[in-house]
Amino acid sequence: MSTSRLEHVISIVLRTGVVSSSVCLGAGLGLSLIGAASLAEVLLNVGVIVLLVTPVVRVLVSITEYVSERDWAFVMLTAVVLAELAASAVAALMFNRRL
């Protein structure tokens, strides 16, 4: 896969994540305004989760591509980014648990 192809796939991943998250958040907001609280809460949670997972999927796509190209330097750098994302999520969960 060429660089432009990788950029195209990444743009699809990011666009899909943002659009689907926005749809869920918008629908959840609309439902909360008309009083469907339980379904609204589910949609709002799904929207936030999709928005948070989108960068992780982008990094996984990059790692997969770099492995297929055997570009080990970029595999390692991108794996570090993935580890930082995971560490941030774990830290957020641990901090939230203490409250």
PDB file of N, CA and C in Angstrom:
ATOM      1  N   MET A   1       0.860  -1.168   0.000  1.00  0.00           N
ATOM      2  CA  MET A   1       0.000   0.000   0.000  1.00  0.00           C
ATOM      3  C   MET A   1       0.908   1.232   0.000  1.00  0.00           C
ATOM      4  N   SER A   2       0.642   2.130  -0.888  1.00  0.00           N
ATOM      5  CA  SER A   2       1.442   3.346  -0.948  1.00  0.00           C
ATOM      6  C   SER A   2       1.006   4.308   0.155  1.00  0.00           C
ATOM      7  N   THR A   3       1.811   5.358   0.317  1.00  0.00           N
ATOM      8  CA  THR A   3       1.504   6.348   1.344  1.00  0.00           C
ATOM      9  C   THR A   3       0.151   7.001   1.087  1.00  0.00           C
ATOM     10  N   SER A   4      -0.131   7.314  -0.180  1.00  0.00           N
ATOM     11  CA  SER A   4      -1.419   7.944  -0.479  1.00  0.00           C
ATOM     12  C   SER A   4      -2.570   6.979  -0.207  1.00  0.00           C
ATOM     13  N   ARG A   5      -2.362   5.692  -0.434  1.00  0.00           N
ATOM     14  CA  ARG A   5      -3.397   4.693  -0.141  1.00  0.00           C
ATOM     15  C   ARG A   5      -3.619   4.594   1.365  1.00  0.00           C
ATOM     16  N   LEU A   6      -2.533   4.586   2.140  1.00  0.00           N
ATOM     17  CA  LEU A   6      -2.651   4.549   3.598  1.00  0.00           C
ATOM     18  C   LEU A   6      -3.380   5.783   4.096  1.00  0.00           C
ATOM     19  N   GLU A   7      -3.025   6.936   3.561  1.00  0.00           N
ATOM     20  CA  GLU A   7      -3.704   8.170   3.961  1.00  0.00           C
ATOM     21  C   GLU A   7      -5.189   8.115   3.622  1.00  0.00           C
ATOM     22  N   HIS A   8      -5.527   7.509   2.493  1.00  0.00           N
ATOM     23  CA  HIS A   8      -6.937   7.387   2.099  1.00  0.00           C
ATOM     24  C   HIS A   8      -7.694   6.481   3.073  1.00  0.00           C
ATOM     25  N   VAL A   9      -7.096   5.348   3.429  1.00  0.00           N
ATOM     26  CA  VAL A   9      -7.742   4.423   4.370  1.00  0.00           C
ATOM     27  C   VAL A   9      -7.897   5.085   5.736  1.00  0.00           C
ATOM     28  N   ILE A  10      -6.859   5.787   6.191  1.00  0.00           N
ATOM     29  CA  ILE A  10      -6.938   6.476   7.479  1.00  0.00           C
ATOM     30  C   ILE A  10      -8.030   7.543   7.452  1.00  0.00           C
ATOM     31  N   SER A  11      -8.142   8.258   6.326  1.00  0.00           N
ATOM     32  CA  SER A  11      -9.188   9.290   6.246  1.00  0.00           C
ATOM     33  C   SER A  11     -10.577   8.662   6.312  1.00  0.00           C
ATOM     34  N   ILE A  12     -10.744   7.496   5.714  1.00  0.00           N
ATOM     35  CA  ILE A  12     -12.037   6.795   5.793  1.00  0.00           C
ATOM     36  C   ILE A  12     -12.332   6.395   7.237  1.00  0.00           C
ATOM     37  N   VAL A  13     -11.323   5.849   7.926  1.00  0.00           N
ATOM     38  CA  VAL A  13     -11.501   5.440   9.327  1.00  0.00           C
ATOM     39  C   VAL A  13     -11.893   6.638  10.191  1.00  0.00           C
ATOM     40  N   LEU A  14     -11.159   7.734  10.036  1.00  0.00           N
ATOM     41  CA  LEU A  14     -11.444   8.914  10.854  1.00  0.00           C
ATOM     42  C   LEU A  14     -12.808   9.518  10.526  1.00  0.00           C
ATOM     43  N   ARG A  15     -13.114   9.616   9.246  1.00  0.00           N
ATOM     44  CA  ARG A  15     -14.407  10.188   8.836  1.00  0.00           C
ATOM     45  C   ARG A  15     -15.558   9.324   9.340  1.00  0.00           C
ATOM     46  N   THR A  16     -15.421   8.016   9.193  1.00  0.00           N
ATOM     47  CA  THR A  16     -16.467   7.099   9.652  1.00  0.00           C
ATOM     48  C   THR A  16     -16.670   7.203  11.161  1.00  0.00           C
ATOM     49  N   GLY A  17     -15.571   7.270  11.910  1.00  0.00           N
ATOM     50  CA  GLY A  17     -15.676   7.389  13.362  1.00  0.00           C
ATOM     51  C   GLY A  17     -16.350   8.671  13.798  1.00  0.00           C
ATOM     52  N   VAL A  18     -15.960   9.778  13.183  1.00  0.00           N
ATOM     53  CA  VAL A  18     -16.534  11.064  13.572  1.00  0.00           C
ATOM     54  C   VAL A  18     -18.006  11.148  13.176  1.00  0.00           C
ATOM     55  N   VAL A  19     -18.341  10.699  11.974  1.00  0.00           N
ATOM     56  CA  VAL A  19     -19.734  10.774  11.521  1.00  0.00           C
ATOM     57  C   VAL A  19     -20.627   9.866  12.361  1.00  0.00           C
ATOM     58  N   SER A  20     -20.189   8.625  12.599  1.00  0.00           N
ATOM     59  CA  SER A  20     -21.035   7.712  13.377  1.00  0.00           C
ATOM     60  C   SER A  20     -21.170   8.194  14.819  1.00  0.00           C
ATOM     61  N   SER A  21     -20.107   8.726  15.373  1.00  0.00           N
ATOM     62  CA  SER A  21     -20.189   9.286  16.723  1.00  0.00           C
ATOM     63  C   SER A  21     -21.142  10.475  16.759  1.00  0.00           C
ATOM     64  N   SER A  22     -21.038  11.338  15.772  1.00  0.00           N
ATOM     65  CA  SER A  22     -21.921  12.511  15.725  1.00  0.00           C
ATOM     66  C   SER A  22     -23.381  12.115  15.592  1.00  0.00           C
ATOM     67  N   VAL A  23     -23.647  11.090  14.776  1.00  0.00           N
ATOM     68  CA  VAL A  23     -25.029  10.623  14.614  1.00  0.00           C
ATOM     69  C   VAL A  23     -25.564  10.093  15.936  1.00  0.00           C
ATOM     70  N   CYS A  24     -24.752   9.282  16.624  1.00  0.00           N
ATOM     71  CA  CYS A  24     -25.189   8.737  17.916  1.00  0.00           C
ATOM     72  C   CYS A  24     -25.402   9.846  18.937  1.00  0.00           C
ATOM     73  N   LEU A  25     -24.466  10.787  18.994  1.00  0.00           N
ATOM     74  CA  LEU A  25     -24.597  11.880  19.966  1.00  0.00           C
ATOM     75  C   LEU A  25     -25.792  12.770  19.641  1.00  0.00           C
ATOM     76  N   GLY A  26     -25.995  13.057  18.360  1.00  0.00           N
ATOM     77  CA  GLY A  26     -27.139  13.880  17.968  1.00  0.00           C
ATOM     78  C   GLY A  26     -28.459  13.194  18.259  1.00  0.00           C
ATOM     79  N   ALA A  27     -28.532  11.899  17.932  1.00  0.00           N
ATOM     80  CA  ALA A  27     -29.761  11.151  18.207  1.00  0.00           C
ATOM     81  C   ALA A  27     -29.997  11.052  19.713  1.00  0.00           C
ATOM     82  N   GLY A  28     -28.927  10.824  20.468  1.00  0.00           N
ATOM     83  CA  GLY A  28     -29.061  10.758  21.923  1.00  0.00           C
ATOM     84  C   GLY A  28     -29.522  12.074  22.509  1.00  0.00           C
ATOM     85  N   LEU A  29     -28.996  13.164  22.000  1.00  0.00           N
ATOM     86  CA  LEU A  29     -29.426  14.484  22.469  1.00  0.00           C
ATOM     87  C   LEU A  29     -30.892  14.719  22.126  1.00  0.00           C
ATOM     88  N   GLY A  30     -31.272  14.384  20.899  1.00  0.00           N
ATOM     89  CA  GLY A  30     -32.668  14.560  20.491  1.00  0.00           C
ATOM     90  C   GLY A  30     -33.618  13.729  21.336  1.00  0.00           C
ATOM     91  N   LEU A  31     -33.236  12.482  21.589  1.00  0.00           N
ATOM     92  CA  LEU A  31     -34.090  11.620  22.406  1.00  0.00           C
ATOM     93  C   LEU A  31     -34.169  12.105  23.856  1.00  0.00           C
ATOM     94  N   SER A  32     -33.070  12.651  24.353  1.00  0.00           N
ATOM     95  CA  SER A  32     -33.128  13.152  25.730  1.00  0.00           C
ATOM     96  C   SER A  32     -34.039  14.375  25.834  1.00  0.00           C
ATOM     97  N   LEU A  33     -34.121  15.146  24.766  1.00  0.00           N
ATOM     98  CA  LEU A  33     -34.998  16.319  24.784  1.00  0.00           C
ATOM     99  C   LEU A  33     -36.477  15.953  24.734  1.00  0.00           C
ATOM    100  N   ILE A  34     -36.783  14.780  24.134  1.00  0.00           N
ATOM    101  CA  ILE A  34     -38.195  14.383  24.070  1.00  0.00           C
ATOM    102  C   ILE A  34     -38.569  13.417  25.199  1.00  0.00           C
ATOM    103  N   GLY A  35     -37.599  13.100  26.058  1.00  0.00           N
ATOM    104  CA  GLY A  35     -37.931  12.332  27.245  1.00  0.00           C
ATOM    105  C   GLY A  35     -37.622  10.851  27.210  1.00  0.00           C
ATOM    106  N   ALA A  36     -36.963  10.356  26.175  1.00  0.00           N
ATOM    107  CA  ALA A  36     -36.598   8.938  26.111  1.00  0.00           C
ATOM    108  C   ALA A  36     -35.223   8.757  26.743  1.00  0.00           C
ATOM    109  N   ALA A  37     -35.177   8.876  28.054  1.00  0.00           N
ATOM    110  CA  ALA A  37     -33.905   8.976  28.776  1.00  0.00           C
ATOM    111  C   ALA A  37     -33.047   7.724  28.660  1.00  0.00           C
ATOM    112  N   SER A  38     -33.627   6.549  28.766  1.00  0.00           N
ATOM    113  CA  SER A  38     -32.798   5.335  28.779  1.00  0.00           C
ATOM    114  C   SER A  38     -32.137   5.092  27.427  1.00  0.00           C
ATOM    115  N   LEU A  39     -32.884   5.235  26.347  1.00  0.00           N
ATOM    116  CA  LEU A  39     -32.301   5.068  25.014  1.00  0.00           C
ATOM    117  C   LEU A  39     -31.324   6.200  24.705  1.00  0.00           C
ATOM    118  N   ALA A  40     -31.641   7.392  25.156  1.00  0.00           N
ATOM    119  CA  ALA A  40     -30.754   8.540  24.949  1.00  0.00           C
ATOM    120  C   ALA A  40     -29.410   8.301  25.637  1.00  0.00           C
ATOM    121  N   GLU A  41     -29.450   7.769  26.839  1.00  0.00           N
ATOM    122  CA  GLU A  41     -28.214   7.498  27.571  1.00  0.00           C
ATOM    123  C   GLU A  41     -27.351   6.480  26.835  1.00  0.00           C
ATOM    124  N   VAL A  42     -27.973   5.439  26.304  1.00  0.00           N
ATOM    125  CA  VAL A  42     -27.231   4.431  25.550  1.00  0.00           C
ATOM    126  C   VAL A  42     -26.575   5.058  24.324  1.00  0.00           C
ATOM    127  N   LEU A  43     -27.331   5.834  23.567  1.00  0.00           N
ATOM    128  CA  LEU A  43     -26.785   6.451  22.358  1.00  0.00           C
ATOM    129  C   LEU A  43     -25.679   7.445  22.682  1.00  0.00           C
ATOM    130  N   LEU A  44     -25.838   8.208  23.747  1.00  0.00           N
ATOM    131  CA  LEU A  44     -24.790   9.147  24.132  1.00  0.00           C
ATOM    132  C   LEU A  44     -23.513   8.415  24.545  1.00  0.00           C
ATOM    133  N   ASN A  45     -23.665   7.338  25.285  1.00  0.00           N
ATOM    134  CA  ASN A  45     -22.497   6.541  25.668  1.00  0.00           C
ATOM    135  C   ASN A  45     -21.818   5.920  24.456  1.00  0.00           C
ATOM    136  N   VAL A  46     -22.603   5.378  23.537  1.00  0.00           N
ATOM    137  CA  VAL A  46     -22.043   4.790  22.316  1.00  0.00           C
ATOM    138  C   VAL A  46     -21.307   5.854  21.505  1.00  0.00           C
ATOM    139  N   GLY A  47     -21.883   7.031  21.400  1.00  0.00           N
ATOM    140  CA  GLY A  47     -21.242   8.112  20.665  1.00  0.00           C
ATOM    141  C   GLY A  47     -19.894   8.492  21.241  1.00  0.00           C
ATOM    142  N   VAL A  48     -19.818   8.584  22.553  1.00  0.00           N
ATOM    143  CA  VAL A  48     -18.545   8.931  23.197  1.00  0.00           C
ATOM    144  C   VAL A  48     -17.537   7.798  23.024  1.00  0.00           C
ATOM    145  N   ILE A  49     -17.976   6.566  23.179  1.00  0.00           N
ATOM    146  CA  ILE A  49     -17.068   5.419  23.029  1.00  0.00           C
ATOM    147  C   ILE A  49     -16.531   5.348  21.604  1.00  0.00           C
ATOM    148  N   VAL A  50     -17.387   5.525  20.613  1.00  0.00           N
ATOM    149  CA  VAL A  50     -16.935   5.498  19.217  1.00  0.00           C
ATOM    150  C   VAL A  50     -15.922   6.614  18.973  1.00  0.00           C
ATOM    151  N   LEU A  51     -16.170   7.777  19.527  1.00  0.00           N
ATOM    152  CA  LEU A  51     -15.245   8.894  19.362  1.00  0.00           C
ATOM    153  C   LEU A  51     -13.891   8.600  20.013  1.00  0.00           C
ATOM    154  N   LEU A  52     -13.901   7.932  21.144  1.00  0.00           N
ATOM    155  CA  LEU A  52     -12.653   7.585  21.825  1.00  0.00           C
ATOM    156  C   LEU A  52     -11.898   6.445  21.136  1.00  0.00           C
ATOM    157  N   VAL A  53     -12.614   5.529  20.518  1.00  0.00           N
ATOM    158  CA  VAL A  53     -11.991   4.377  19.871  1.00  0.00           C
ATOM    159  C   VAL A  53     -11.432   4.723  18.491  1.00  0.00           C
ATOM    160  N   THR A  54     -11.940   5.768  17.869  1.00  0.00           N
ATOM    161  CA  THR A  54     -11.531   6.124  16.512  1.00  0.00           C
ATOM    162  C   THR A  54     -10.016   6.306  16.366  1.00  0.00           C
ATOM    163  N   PRO A  55      -9.336   7.053  17.239  1.00  0.00           N
ATOM    164  CA  PRO A  55      -7.877   7.164  17.083  1.00  0.00           C
ATOM    165  C   PRO A  55      -7.149   5.836  17.274  1.00  0.00           C
ATOM    166  N   VAL A  56      -7.680   4.978  18.126  1.00  0.00           N
ATOM    167  CA  VAL A  56      -7.064   3.674  18.347  1.00  0.00           C
ATOM    168  C   VAL A  56      -7.144   2.845  17.068  1.00  0.00           C
ATOM    169  N   VAL A  57      -8.281   2.868  16.397  1.00  0.00           N
ATOM    170  CA  VAL A  57      -8.435   2.135  15.136  1.00  0.00           C
ATOM    171  C   VAL A  57      -7.488   2.690  14.092  1.00  0.00           C
ATOM    172  N   ARG A  58      -7.334   4.003  14.070  1.00  0.00           N
ATOM    173  CA  ARG A  58      -6.408   4.636  13.127  1.00  0.00           C
ATOM    174  C   ARG A  58      -4.983   4.132  13.347  1.00  0.00           C
ATOM    175  N   VAL A  59      -4.563   4.043  14.604  1.00  0.00           N
ATOM    176  CA  VAL A  59      -3.220   3.567  14.919  1.00  0.00           C
ATOM    177  C   VAL A  59      -3.080   2.089  14.549  1.00  0.00           C
ATOM    178  N   LEU A  60      -4.102   1.286  14.803  1.00  0.00           N
ATOM    179  CA  LEU A  60      -4.061  -0.133  14.438  1.00  0.00           C
ATOM    180  C   LEU A  60      -3.958  -0.324  12.927  1.00  0.00           C
ATOM    181  N   VAL A  61      -4.677   0.497  12.162  1.00  0.00           N
ATOM    182  CA  VAL A  61      -4.580   0.437  10.705  1.00  0.00           C
ATOM    183  C   VAL A  61      -3.153   0.774  10.271  1.00  0.00           C
ATOM    184  N   SER A  62      -2.565   1.779  10.883  1.00  0.00           N
ATOM    185  CA  SER A  62      -1.193   2.172  10.544  1.00  0.00           C
ATOM    186  C   SER A  62      -0.206   1.055  10.868  1.00  0.00           C
ATOM    187  N   ILE A  63      -0.341   0.455  12.045  1.00  0.00           N
ATOM    188  CA  ILE A  63       0.560  -0.637  12.415  1.00  0.00           C
ATOM    189  C   ILE A  63       0.435  -1.788  11.420  1.00  0.00           C
ATOM    190  N   THR A  64      -0.788  -2.145  11.082  1.00  0.00           N
ATOM    191  CA  THR A  64      -1.007  -3.239  10.129  1.00  0.00           C
ATOM    192  C   THR A  64      -0.333  -2.951   8.800  1.00  0.00           C
ATOM    193  N   GLU A  65      -0.461  -1.746   8.321  1.00  0.00           N
ATOM    194  CA  GLU A  65       0.148  -1.376   7.051  1.00  0.00           C
ATOM    195  C   GLU A  65       1.669  -1.387   7.140  1.00  0.00           C
ATOM    196  N   TYR A  66       2.213  -0.838   8.210  1.00  0.00           N
ATOM    197  CA  TYR A  66       3.667  -0.803   8.344  1.00  0.00           C
ATOM    198  C   TYR A  66       4.253  -2.204   8.491  1.00  0.00           C
ATOM    199  N   VAL A  67       3.532  -3.108   9.154  1.00  0.00           N
ATOM    200  CA  VAL A  67       3.994  -4.498   9.241  1.00  0.00           C
ATOM    201  C   VAL A  67       4.002  -5.135   7.861  1.00  0.00           C
ATOM    202  N   SER A  68       2.950  -4.897   7.080  1.00  0.00           N
ATOM    203  CA  SER A  68       2.902  -5.492   5.737  1.00  0.00           C
ATOM    204  C   SER A  68       3.998  -4.939   4.832  1.00  0.00           C
ATOM    205  N   GLU A  69       4.422  -3.705   5.086  1.00  0.00           N
ATOM    206  CA  GLU A  69       5.519  -3.105   4.321  1.00  0.00           C
ATOM    207  C   GLU A  69       6.886  -3.442   4.920  1.00  0.00           C
ATOM    208  N   ARG A  70       6.885  -4.105   6.074  1.00  0.00           N
ATOM    209  CA  ARG A  70       8.105  -4.439   6.809  1.00  0.00           C
ATOM    210  C   ARG A  70       8.922  -3.193   7.153  1.00  0.00           C
ATOM    211  N   ASP A  71       8.209  -2.136   7.484  1.00  0.00           N
ATOM    212  CA  ASP A  71       8.845  -0.883   7.899  1.00  0.00           C
ATOM    213  C   ASP A  71       8.892  -0.879   9.424  1.00  0.00           C
ATOM    214  N   TRP A  72       9.913  -1.552   9.969  1.00  0.00           N
ATOM    215  CA  TRP A  72       9.955  -1.841  11.397  1.00  0.00           C
ATOM    216  C   TRP A  72      10.129  -0.596  12.245  1.00  0.00           C
ATOM    217  N   ALA A  73      10.791   0.417  11.720  1.00  0.00           N
ATOM    218  CA  ALA A  73      10.939   1.656  12.496  1.00  0.00           C
ATOM    219  C   ALA A  73       9.576   2.284  12.754  1.00  0.00           C
ATOM    220  N   PHE A  74       8.742   2.353  11.716  1.00  0.00           N
ATOM    221  CA  PHE A  74       7.409   2.927  11.893  1.00  0.00           C
ATOM    222  C   PHE A  74       6.499   2.002  12.689  1.00  0.00           C
ATOM    223  N   VAL A  75       6.714   0.701  12.589  1.00  0.00           N
ATOM    224  CA  VAL A  75       5.944  -0.230  13.423  1.00  0.00           C
ATOM    225  C   VAL A  75       6.218   0.072  14.891  1.00  0.00           C
ATOM    226  N   MET A  76       7.487   0.240  15.239  1.00  0.00           N
ATOM    227  CA  MET A  76       7.838   0.501  16.628  1.00  0.00           C
ATOM    228  C   MET A  76       7.316   1.866  17.095  1.00  0.00           C
ATOM    229  N   LEU A  77       7.465   2.884  16.266  1.00  0.00           N
ATOM    230  CA  LEU A  77       6.984   4.214  16.648  1.00  0.00           C
ATOM    231  C   LEU A  77       5.469   4.224  16.830  1.00  0.00           C
ATOM    232  N   THR A  78       4.772   3.559  15.926  1.00  0.00           N
ATOM    233  CA  THR A  78       3.317   3.522  16.009  1.00  0.00           C
ATOM    234  C   THR A  78       2.865   2.662  17.180  1.00  0.00           C
ATOM    235  N   ALA A  79       3.626   1.611  17.475  1.00  0.00           N
ATOM    236  CA  ALA A  79       3.314   0.791  18.646  1.00  0.00           C
ATOM    237  C   ALA A  79       3.482   1.598  19.938  1.00  0.00           C
ATOM    238  N   VAL A  80       4.457   2.496  19.964  1.00  0.00           N
ATOM    239  CA  VAL A  80       4.636   3.377  21.129  1.00  0.00           C
ATOM    240  C   VAL A  80       3.409   4.276  21.282  1.00  0.00           C
ATOM    241  N   VAL A  81       2.919   4.804  20.168  1.00  0.00           N
ATOM    242  CA  VAL A  81       1.709   5.639  20.222  1.00  0.00           C
ATOM    243  C   VAL A  81       0.535   4.821  20.755  1.00  0.00           C
ATOM    244  N   LEU A  82       0.398   3.582  20.292  1.00  0.00           N
ATOM    245  CA  LEU A  82      -0.682   2.717  20.776  1.00  0.00           C
ATOM    246  C   LEU A  82      -0.526   2.452  22.275  1.00  0.00           C
ATOM    247  N   ALA A  83       0.699   2.227  22.720  1.00  0.00           N
ATOM    248  CA  ALA A  83       0.941   2.001  24.146  1.00  0.00           C
ATOM    249  C   ALA A  83       0.593   3.252  24.962  1.00  0.00           C
ATOM    250  N   GLU A  84       0.891   4.419  24.424  1.00  0.00           N
ATOM    251  CA  GLU A  84       0.540   5.662  25.126  1.00  0.00           C
ATOM    252  C   GLU A  84      -0.973   5.843  25.205  1.00  0.00           C
ATOM    253  N   LEU A  85      -1.679   5.504  24.137  1.00  0.00           N
ATOM    254  CA  LEU A  85      -3.142   5.572  24.177  1.00  0.00           C
ATOM    255  C   LEU A  85      -3.694   4.612  25.223  1.00  0.00           C
ATOM    256  N   ALA A  86      -3.146   3.400  25.267  1.00  0.00           N
ATOM    257  CA  ALA A  86      -3.600   2.416  26.251  1.00  0.00           C
ATOM    258  C   ALA A  86      -3.283   2.880  27.666  1.00  0.00           C
ATOM    259  N   ALA A  87      -2.093   3.426  27.864  1.00  0.00           N
ATOM    260  CA  ALA A  87      -1.717   3.917  29.195  1.00  0.00           C
ATOM    261  C   ALA A  87      -2.626   5.061  29.627  1.00  0.00           C
ATOM    262  N   SER A  88      -2.997   5.917  28.703  1.00  0.00           N
ATOM    263  CA  SER A  88      -3.911   7.021  29.020  1.00  0.00           C
ATOM    264  C   SER A  88      -5.273   6.491  29.447  1.00  0.00           C
ATOM    265  N   ALA A  89      -5.755   5.475  28.736  1.00  0.00           N
ATOM    266  CA  ALA A  89      -7.051   4.895  29.091  1.00  0.00           C
ATOM    267  C   ALA A  89      -6.994   4.240  30.466  1.00  0.00           C
ATOM    268  N   VAL A  90      -5.928   3.495  30.726  1.00  0.00           N
ATOM    269  CA  VAL A  90      -5.784   2.842  32.028  1.00  0.00           C
ATOM    270  C   VAL A  90      -5.672   3.886  33.134  1.00  0.00           C
ATOM    271  N   ALA A  91      -4.889   4.933  32.902  1.00  0.00           N
ATOM    272  CA  ALA A  91      -4.739   5.991  33.906  1.00  0.00           C
ATOM    273  C   ALA A  91      -6.071   6.679  34.175  1.00  0.00           C
ATOM    274  N   ALA A  92      -6.838   6.925  33.130  1.00  0.00           N
ATOM    275  CA  ALA A  92      -8.145   7.560  33.309  1.00  0.00           C
ATOM    276  C   ALA A  92      -9.078   6.670  34.122  1.00  0.00           C
ATOM    277  N   LEU A  93      -9.051   5.378  33.838  1.00  0.00           N
ATOM    278  CA  LEU A  93      -9.891   4.448  34.598  1.00  0.00           C
ATOM    279  C   LEU A  93      -9.461   4.380  36.057  1.00  0.00           C
ATOM    280  N   MET A  94      -8.167   4.349  36.299  1.00  0.00           N
ATOM    281  CA  MET A  94      -7.667   4.289  37.672  1.00  0.00           C
ATOM    282  C   MET A  94      -7.980   5.583  38.423  1.00  0.00           C
ATOM    283  N   PHE A  95      -7.817   6.719  37.771  1.00  0.00           N
ATOM    284  CA  PHE A  95      -8.119   7.998  38.412  1.00  0.00           C
ATOM    285  C   PHE A  95      -9.596   8.109  38.726  1.00  0.00           C
ATOM    286  N   ASN A  96     -10.429   7.672  37.800  1.00  0.00           N
ATOM    287  CA  ASN A  96     -11.879   7.728  37.985  1.00  0.00           C
ATOM    288  C   ASN A  96     -12.316   6.813  39.115  1.00  0.00           C
ATOM    289  N   ARG A  97     -11.655   5.717  39.277  1.00  0.00           N
ATOM    290  CA  ARG A  97     -11.998   4.748  40.326  1.00  0.00           C
ATOM    291  C   ARG A  97     -11.757   5.326  41.715  1.00  0.00           C
ATOM    292  N   ARG A  98     -10.743   6.169  41.849  1.00  0.00           N
ATOM    293  CA  ARG A  98     -10.400   6.750  43.161  1.00  0.00           C
ATOM    294  C   ARG A  98     -11.411   7.775  43.628  1.00  0.00           C
ATOM    295  N   LEU A  99     -12.143   8.370  42.710  1.00  0.00           N
ATOM    296  CA  LEU A  99     -13.077   9.435  43.093  1.00  0.00           C
ATOM    297  C   LEU A  99     -14.281   8.928  43.786  1.00  0.00           C
TER     298      LEU A  99
END
